[in-house]
Amino acid sequence: MRMRKHQWLRNTLSRAYYCTFSSSFPLKHVTQSNFESAVADLKTHMKAADFVAIDLEMTGVTSAPWRESMEFDRFDVKYLKVKDSAEKFAVVQLGVCPFRWDPLRLSFIAHPHNFFIFPRQEVPTDSSSYEFLCQTTSLDFLAKYHFDFNACIRQGVSYLSRGQEDEALRRLNLRYENELSEQARDVPLVSITDILFSERMKNRLREWRDGLLKDTSGGSQLEGSFLNDSNQQFQNIFYKMRPALSLNGFTSHQLRLIQSVTKKHFKDLASVRVEGESSCSQQLVVYTDSESDRDLLKKEVMDDYRRQAEMKIKAAIGFRHVIDLLSSEKKLIVGHNCFLDLAHIHSKFLGPLPLEAEEFVYSVNKCFPYIIDTKILLNTNNILKQRMKKSKTSLSSAFLSLCPQIAFASKESCNLTFSSSVKVEVQVDDTRSSSWISGVKHEAGYDAFMTGCVFAQACNLLGIDFKLYSPSENLACNERLQKHANLLYLSWINGDIIDLSTGHRTAESLRCRDLKKSQTGILFENIVLIWGFPSKLKTAVIKDRISKVFGPTSVTSICRLDETAVFVQFSKLKLVADFLVVKETLERSNDAFSVLHPLSTILEGGNTCAASYETYKDICSSPISKLLFADQAEAVGIRWKTKLVERKEELETEEQGSFHEENAANTISVYVGQN
């Protein structure tokens, strides 16, 4: 009774001093050495969690400057750029932080885990080793915040994706079938050396077998025949309770000859290959009592081989066990601007990313049916926008704005302004604190913790009363969160949002509050991509030369892709085809009149290419990444200079086609006359 009283007193004092004391201890770092135990603990926490926050740290974001997010990126192009990033760069840290509401303490209990990840080739694959890109700015950022590169590379947890596991099992089955067919195939004796070797092996195996069959007390004849061999090519052992010979120092061709001799001349001997120490294969000749015993032995050997290989593949799954756990528990997953994070998770742990955004959305939703992006939540809900005021919606800014009592745990965090905020306690192993200071920012585990805290405070501001919340409820199905669930930014710059549940895009109704008005008028079918022009040519000059040909209002906007390429948006769709026809006509003419044409400035050098927006998408879909866009286009195999586009139905007539060719030629004469 007295102990209970003391326990009650300690708990009461702990709650009373919630706003006074702070604790500094590291979050849970997970490497190879503690991975299994950490996953076991995480499984318990995840089963009890109301939601799980995640965050990733990568070795880079963009493989070339022109692959960065741009104003003129259509949703499908944006996906291709994200796909390229996820496929080329590595994930070096993944933070997982389950949050559970404790009705007794009236607070969330957070369990931040910081996993170090590093890809290794732990099972045979087609490639020699894993490769990934590193961006110096990303590595510099990680180093600035004391990222432990040694822990990552030497102790980071490796992984196999589901696709890689399936491929490894397929290769295992193929090797199993090849082994069976190899055992059934006789090796032809193609030389006198093979004949003599086979005969010698037949005699030695018969001598050994006959020695076994003799009723000798100590087996002296057996030992005299083989153990006096100075080369130790034959060693007597027992395998699966059967007498056996271990064959050493033979070439692979010689071993196949011995296998053929055994099969052809000895019904009671079996030649088998087994996995020895350090995963090295060992060739044995085993004595069997009968033909059925021999068949049984071969089956046991093959079953052992399959079982060992499958165990090795399962062991190589590594960190993917955490992703499988996230998927199987069907918990609400919370991220911050997490489209790229989910693309990395799909690429690394599920399988190759599909070519189309819609297929990606379907695959993600199948594995993770409940996802909320806090960046979308903060940008699309009026209550949260009012609370954020003019603050940025980056994770750190949102954390400071919505969770000051957590962000400044060591300072006066009992300000009445935040008295209604949701409390969050942190537990790492057996240590728990209501005022936690991790000591290290910008680690994936800590960023996941911040994301979860932002989400908890956002729920509170939306009117979700956790004091009335039941653990049996699915937070993802709460009516106040429904219109924000399963939405991801495809393009943050353009405000393209995709619904993971339906695959539909909802760009107009949920546009970012910071988007410029000019960005709402992009018509991708009105865009021409031009590249390969003289590097010294300025954007204003390009616009001026085109406007002189097609009119002062012909060009709506122009955007630089890099120093070798620009997007030109025309005011009318027909001007796209007109421009391409004029360009091609000028290049075919190659006469004195063409030199005086305004577009000749853009075409100078003879390397200028132009096409519609669809060509840009095709180039972005290539796995190649050259530094300059013009070099990229050449690397993907583009050899033409102008790709004409088909006109709309009302313009697709031969007469109008002839008219535009004539008109293009006439523009040359007109501008010659003017000059």
Foldseek 3Di string as FASTA:
>chain_A
DVVVVVVVVVVVVQLVCLQADEDAAAAAEDFQVCQVVVVVVVLVLQLLFLEKFKFWAKQDQFPFLLLDFDLQQDLLLLVLSLLLRLQAIDTQKMKIKGWHQDLVSQFIEIRIYIAGADAFCLADDPDPTDHHDGDPVSVVVCVVQPNDVCCNPVTGWHAAAPVRLVVLLVVLVVVLVVVVVLLVDADDDDDPVLVVLLVVLLVLVVQLVVLVVDPDDPSPSNCVSQVVPPVNQWDWDADPNWIKTWGPDDDPVSLSSSSNSCVPPPLQWHWDWAQDPPRDIIIMITGHPGNVRNVVVRVVRSVVVSVVSNVSSVSNRIPLVVLQSQQVSLHAYEYALCPSVLSNCCPRHHHRQDSGPLVNLQVSCNRHVWYFHVLLVCFFDPLNVVQLPPFDSDLVRLLCSQPVCAVPSNDRSCPPVCVQFHFYWYDHPHDIGSHYDNPTPPRRSVSSVSRVSSVRSSCVSLPDNCSPDDSVDNPSPPPSCVVRIQWHQSRLQQQWIARSVPRDTDRPNRPGPPHDPLSVPDDQLQKKKKFDFDLVDDPVLQLVLLCVLVHVQQWPDKADSDSTMIITGGPDNVVLLLVLLLVVLLVVVPDPLSCLRSCVNRCPPVGMAMEGCVVVSVLSNDSDDDHDVSVSCVVVPDDDRGDHDQDPPVQPDPVNVVVSNVVSVVSSVVSVVVD
